[in-house]
Amino acid sequence: LIIMLFLTAFIFNHMKRVFQVSLILVSVCAVLFASCDNTPDPGVAEVKVYDENNVAQSGIKVTMFCTEPGCVVTRQGRTNSVGVYTQEFELPVVLRVRAVRYDTTTTTTGLPPNVITRITVDSLCGEGFVQVENDEITSETITILECN
């Protein structure tokens, strides 16, 4: 009986260590497998738009597009409340960036039936380039000034 208890304790201790070693090996293999993934993450283009007084501009229309032959990438959006527009790209690309703000003013003069309505458009523009690479955030700062 004593020998049987001794053998049971020995086997239980041995199985416990085998389980611990197996658990460690599985954990190491999982970490190594996860770290071997070489798939690049998308690149991010971040466009910051400011006016001539260096004040961030929200709601500015931003267009990013290719200028190279055969490239058909075009993205449009508006800057957020802090003047930033971001976009992800799966492949590396060089893009031209255009930021535009249109301010319209409507004035009405005269009395009916001789009412004259004038609409004036004041636009601010800015341009630049951004080169997007995988696994990177690339920033471009654009200052918008009166369009020519």
C-alpha atoms as a PDB file:
ATOM      1  CA  LEU A   1       0.000   0.000   0.000  1.00  0.00           C
ATOM      2  CA  ILE A   2       2.826   2.390   0.834  1.00  0.00           C
ATOM      3  CA  ILE A   3       4.562   1.558  -2.436  1.00  0.00           C
ATOM      4  CA  MET A   4       1.320   2.143  -4.338  1.00  0.00           C
ATOM      5  CA  LEU A   5       0.812   5.545  -2.652  1.00  0.00           C
ATOM      6  CA  PHE A   6       4.422   6.438  -3.396  1.00  0.00           C
ATOM      7  CA  LEU A   7       4.024   5.470  -7.069  1.00  0.00           C
ATOM      8  CA  THR A   8       0.719   7.379  -7.353  1.00  0.00           C
ATOM      9  CA  ALA A   9       2.297  10.506  -5.840  1.00  0.00           C
ATOM     10  CA  PHE A  10       5.319  10.149  -8.151  1.00  0.00           C
ATOM     11  CA  ILE A  11       3.145   9.753 -11.262  1.00  0.00           C
ATOM     12  CA  PHE A  12       0.868  12.664 -10.228  1.00  0.00           C
ATOM     13  CA  ASN A  13       3.909  14.918  -9.662  1.00  0.00           C
ATOM     14  CA  HIS A  14       5.386  13.817 -12.973  1.00  0.00           C
ATOM     15  CA  MET A  15       2.125  14.454 -14.870  1.00  0.00           C
ATOM     16  CA  LYS A  16       1.827  17.892 -13.275  1.00  0.00           C
ATOM     17  CA  ARG A  17       5.284  18.855 -14.549  1.00  0.00           C
ATOM     18  CA  VAL A  18       4.545  17.432 -18.013  1.00  0.00           C
ATOM     19  CA  PHE A  19       1.378  19.542 -18.151  1.00  0.00           C
ATOM     20  CA  GLN A  20       3.285  22.682 -17.066  1.00  0.00           C
ATOM     21  CA  VAL A  21       6.028  22.128 -19.663  1.00  0.00           C
ATOM     22  CA  SER A  22       3.397  21.468 -22.366  1.00  0.00           C
ATOM     23  CA  LEU A  23       1.583  24.668 -21.465  1.00  0.00           C
ATOM     24  CA  ILE A  24       4.826  26.674 -21.663  1.00  0.00           C
ATOM     25  CA  LEU A  25       5.691  25.137 -25.058  1.00  0.00           C
ATOM     26  CA  VAL A  26       2.248  25.920 -26.478  1.00  0.00           C
ATOM     27  CA  SER A  27       2.515  29.542 -25.245  1.00  0.00           C
ATOM     28  CA  VAL A  28       5.976  29.988 -26.794  1.00  0.00           C
ATOM     29  CA  CYS A  29       4.792  28.534 -30.111  1.00  0.00           C
ATOM     30  CA  ALA A  30       1.771  30.854 -30.150  1.00  0.00           C
ATOM     31  CA  VAL A  31       3.961  33.926 -29.551  1.00  0.00           C
ATOM     32  CA  LEU A  32       6.436  32.866 -32.235  1.00  0.00           C
ATOM     33  CA  PHE A  33       3.658  32.183 -34.747  1.00  0.00           C
ATOM     34  CA  ALA A  34       2.027  35.587 -34.116  1.00  0.00           C
ATOM     35  CA  SER A  35       5.334  37.440 -34.400  1.00  0.00           C
ATOM     36  CA  CYS A  36       6.130  35.833 -37.771  1.00  0.00           C
ATOM     37  CA  ASP A  37       3.255  37.613 -39.545  1.00  0.00           C
ATOM     38  CA  ASN A  38       5.040  39.960 -41.959  1.00  0.00           C
ATOM     39  CA  THR A  39       1.915  41.356 -43.596  1.00  0.00           C
ATOM     40  CA  PRO A  40       2.317  45.152 -43.684  1.00  0.00           C
ATOM     41  CA  ASP A  41      -0.357  47.368 -42.232  1.00  0.00           C
ATOM     42  CA  PRO A  42      -1.928  50.038 -44.450  1.00  0.00           C
ATOM     43  CA  GLY A  43      -0.291  53.419 -44.727  1.00  0.00           C
ATOM     44  CA  VAL A  44      -2.125  56.489 -43.462  1.00  0.00           C
ATOM     45  CA  ALA A  45      -2.167  59.903 -45.111  1.00  0.00           C
ATOM     46  CA  GLU A  46      -2.899  62.697 -42.648  1.00  0.00           C
ATOM     47  CA  VAL A  47      -3.662  66.130 -44.118  1.00  0.00           C
ATOM     48  CA  LYS A  48      -3.714  69.132 -41.780  1.00  0.00           C
ATOM     49  CA  VAL A  49      -5.284  72.340 -43.110  1.00  0.00           C
ATOM     50  CA  TYR A  50      -4.560  75.805 -41.686  1.00  0.00           C
ATOM     51  CA  ASP A  51      -5.344  79.356 -42.784  1.00  0.00           C
ATOM     52  CA  GLU A  52      -2.787  82.146 -43.179  1.00  0.00           C
ATOM     53  CA  ASN A  53      -3.018  82.898 -39.427  1.00  0.00           C
ATOM     54  CA  ASN A  54      -2.109  79.266 -38.588  1.00  0.00           C
ATOM     55  CA  VAL A  55      -5.637  78.488 -37.354  1.00  0.00           C
ATOM     56  CA  ALA A  56      -6.865  74.929 -38.000  1.00  0.00           C
ATOM     57  CA  GLN A  57      -9.724  74.865 -40.528  1.00  0.00           C
ATOM     58  CA  SER A  58     -12.637  72.470 -40.108  1.00  0.00           C
ATOM     59  CA  GLY A  59     -15.011  71.416 -42.887  1.00  0.00           C
ATOM     60  CA  ILE A  60     -12.489  71.993 -45.685  1.00  0.00           C
ATOM     61  CA  LYS A  61     -12.968  69.798 -48.770  1.00  0.00           C
ATOM     62  CA  VAL A  62      -9.834  67.684 -49.269  1.00  0.00           C
ATOM     63  CA  THR A  63      -9.187  65.733 -52.469  1.00  0.00           C
ATOM     64  CA  MET A  64      -6.294  63.289 -52.862  1.00  0.00           C
ATOM     65  CA  PHE A  65      -5.535  61.914 -56.311  1.00  0.00           C
ATOM     66  CA  CYS A  66      -2.791  60.271 -58.379  1.00  0.00           C
ATOM     67  CA  THR A  67      -0.907  62.133 -61.055  1.00  0.00           C
ATOM     68  CA  GLU A  68       1.014  59.108 -62.378  1.00  0.00           C
ATOM     69  CA  PRO A  69      -0.173  57.319 -65.548  1.00  0.00           C
ATOM     70  CA  GLY A  70      -2.252  54.228 -64.803  1.00  0.00           C
ATOM     71  CA  CYS A  71      -3.003  55.246 -61.217  1.00  0.00           C
ATOM     72  CA  VAL A  72      -6.729  55.707 -60.559  1.00  0.00           C
ATOM     73  CA  VAL A  73      -6.747  56.507 -56.823  1.00  0.00           C
ATOM     74  CA  THR A  74      -9.048  59.377 -55.810  1.00  0.00           C
ATOM     75  CA  ARG A  75     -10.289  60.071 -52.295  1.00  0.00           C
ATOM     76  CA  GLN A  76     -12.376  62.991 -51.029  1.00  0.00           C
ATOM     77  CA  GLY A  77     -13.502  64.088 -47.621  1.00  0.00           C
ATOM     78  CA  ARG A  78     -13.655  66.982 -45.180  1.00  0.00           C
ATOM     79  CA  THR A  79     -11.411  68.009 -42.339  1.00  0.00           C
ATOM     80  CA  ASN A  80     -12.625  67.285 -38.826  1.00  0.00           C
ATOM     81  CA  SER A  81     -13.076  69.786 -35.976  1.00  0.00           C
ATOM     82  CA  VAL A  82      -9.298  70.136 -35.527  1.00  0.00           C
ATOM     83  CA  GLY A  83      -8.573  70.609 -39.239  1.00  0.00           C
ATOM     84  CA  VAL A  84      -7.335  67.065 -40.010  1.00  0.00           C
ATOM     85  CA  TYR A  85      -8.418  64.611 -42.720  1.00  0.00           C
ATOM     86  CA  THR A  86      -7.028  61.052 -42.646  1.00  0.00           C
ATOM     87  CA  GLN A  87      -7.271  58.219 -45.127  1.00  0.00           C
ATOM     88  CA  GLU A  88      -5.784  54.689 -45.211  1.00  0.00           C
ATOM     89  CA  PHE A  89      -4.140  53.177 -48.302  1.00  0.00           C
ATOM     90  CA  GLU A  90      -3.284  49.484 -48.736  1.00  0.00           C
ATOM     91  CA  LEU A  91      -0.426  50.074 -51.198  1.00  0.00           C
ATOM     92  CA  PRO A  92       2.335  52.698 -51.248  1.00  0.00           C
ATOM     93  CA  VAL A  93       1.303  55.677 -53.368  1.00  0.00           C
ATOM     94  CA  VAL A  94       2.229  59.298 -54.117  1.00  0.00           C
ATOM     95  CA  LEU A  95      -0.791  61.605 -54.169  1.00  0.00           C
ATOM     96  CA  ARG A  96      -1.471  65.212 -54.963  1.00  0.00           C
ATOM     97  CA  VAL A  97      -3.550  66.888 -52.271  1.00  0.00           C
ATOM     98  CA  ARG A  98      -5.920  69.794 -52.861  1.00  0.00           C
ATOM     99  CA  ALA A  99      -7.804  71.615 -50.086  1.00  0.00           C
ATOM    100  CA  VAL A 100     -10.571  74.102 -50.978  1.00  0.00           C
ATOM    101  CA  ARG A 101     -13.050  76.219 -49.017  1.00  0.00           C
ATOM    102  CA  TYR A 102     -15.841  78.103 -50.771  1.00  0.00           C
ATOM    103  CA  ASP A 103     -17.483  80.990 -48.916  1.00  0.00           C
ATOM    104  CA  THR A 104     -20.604  82.378 -50.604  1.00  0.00           C
ATOM    105  CA  THR A 105     -22.331  85.636 -49.792  1.00  0.00           C
ATOM    106  CA  THR A 106     -25.801  86.456 -51.080  1.00  0.00           C
ATOM    107  CA  THR A 107     -26.966  90.079 -51.164  1.00  0.00           C
ATOM    108  CA  THR A 108     -30.355  91.303 -52.302  1.00  0.00           C
ATOM    109  CA  THR A 109     -30.990  94.918 -53.343  1.00  0.00           C
ATOM    110  CA  GLY A 110     -33.996  96.780 -54.680  1.00  0.00           C
ATOM    111  CA  LEU A 111     -37.733  96.441 -54.253  1.00  0.00           C
ATOM    112  CA  PRO A 112     -40.097  94.071 -56.061  1.00  0.00           C
ATOM    113  CA  PRO A 113     -40.401  93.700 -59.001  1.00  0.00           C
ATOM    114  CA  ASN A 114     -36.873  95.103 -59.427  1.00  0.00           C
ATOM    115  CA  VAL A 115     -35.009  92.838 -57.013  1.00  0.00           C
ATOM    116  CA  ILE A 116     -31.375  92.092 -57.784  1.00  0.00           C
ATOM    117  CA  THR A 117     -29.703  89.143 -56.062  1.00  0.00           C
ATOM    118  CA  ARG A 118     -25.926  88.903 -56.189  1.00  0.00           C
ATOM    119  CA  ILE A 119     -23.995  85.859 -55.149  1.00  0.00           C
ATOM    120  CA  THR A 120     -20.294  86.295 -54.576  1.00  0.00           C
ATOM    121  CA  VAL A 121     -17.975  83.363 -54.033  1.00  0.00           C
ATOM    122  CA  ASP A 122     -14.745  83.713 -52.143  1.00  0.00           C
ATOM    123  CA  SER A 123     -12.556  80.653 -52.291  1.00  0.00           C
ATOM    124  CA  LEU A 124      -9.446  79.623 -50.426  1.00  0.00           C
ATOM    125  CA  CYS A 125      -7.156  76.936 -51.838  1.00  0.00           C
ATOM    126  CA  GLY A 126      -4.018  75.025 -51.000  1.00  0.00           C
ATOM    127  CA  GLU A 127      -2.108  72.148 -52.558  1.00  0.00           C
ATOM    128  CA  GLY A 128       0.645  69.706 -51.735  1.00  0.00           C
ATOM    129  CA  PHE A 129       1.859  66.146 -52.149  1.00  0.00           C
ATOM    130  CA  VAL A 130       1.909  63.173 -49.795  1.00  0.00           C
ATOM    131  CA  GLN A 131       3.893  59.957 -50.189  1.00  0.00           C
ATOM    132  CA  VAL A 132       2.132  57.141 -48.351  1.00  0.00           C
ATOM    133  CA  GLU A 133       4.144  54.082 -47.238  1.00  0.00           C
ATOM    134  CA  ASN A 134       2.885  50.902 -45.557  1.00  0.00           C
ATOM    135  CA  ASP A 135       3.071  50.816 -41.741  1.00  0.00           C
ATOM    136  CA  GLU A 136       3.548  54.609 -41.579  1.00  0.00           C
ATOM    137  CA  ILE A 137       1.524  57.749 -40.905  1.00  0.00           C
ATOM    138  CA  THR A 138       2.559  60.456 -43.358  1.00  0.00           C
ATOM    139  CA  SER A 139       1.503  64.023 -42.594  1.00  0.00           C
ATOM    140  CA  GLU A 140       1.122  66.943 -44.972  1.00  0.00           C
ATOM    141  CA  THR A 141       0.305  70.446 -43.772  1.00  0.00           C
ATOM    142  CA  ILE A 142      -1.514  72.720 -46.214  1.00  0.00           C
ATOM    143  CA  THR A 143      -2.078  76.446 -45.783  1.00  0.00           C
ATOM    144  CA  ILE A 144      -5.110  77.715 -47.662  1.00  0.00           C
ATOM    145  CA  LEU A 145      -4.885  81.156 -49.243  1.00  0.00           C
ATOM    146  CA  GLU A 146      -6.942  83.073 -51.787  1.00  0.00           C
ATOM    147  CA  CYS A 147      -7.293  81.016 -54.978  1.00  0.00           C
ATOM    148  CA  ASN A 148      -5.795  82.331 -58.194  1.00  0.00           C
END
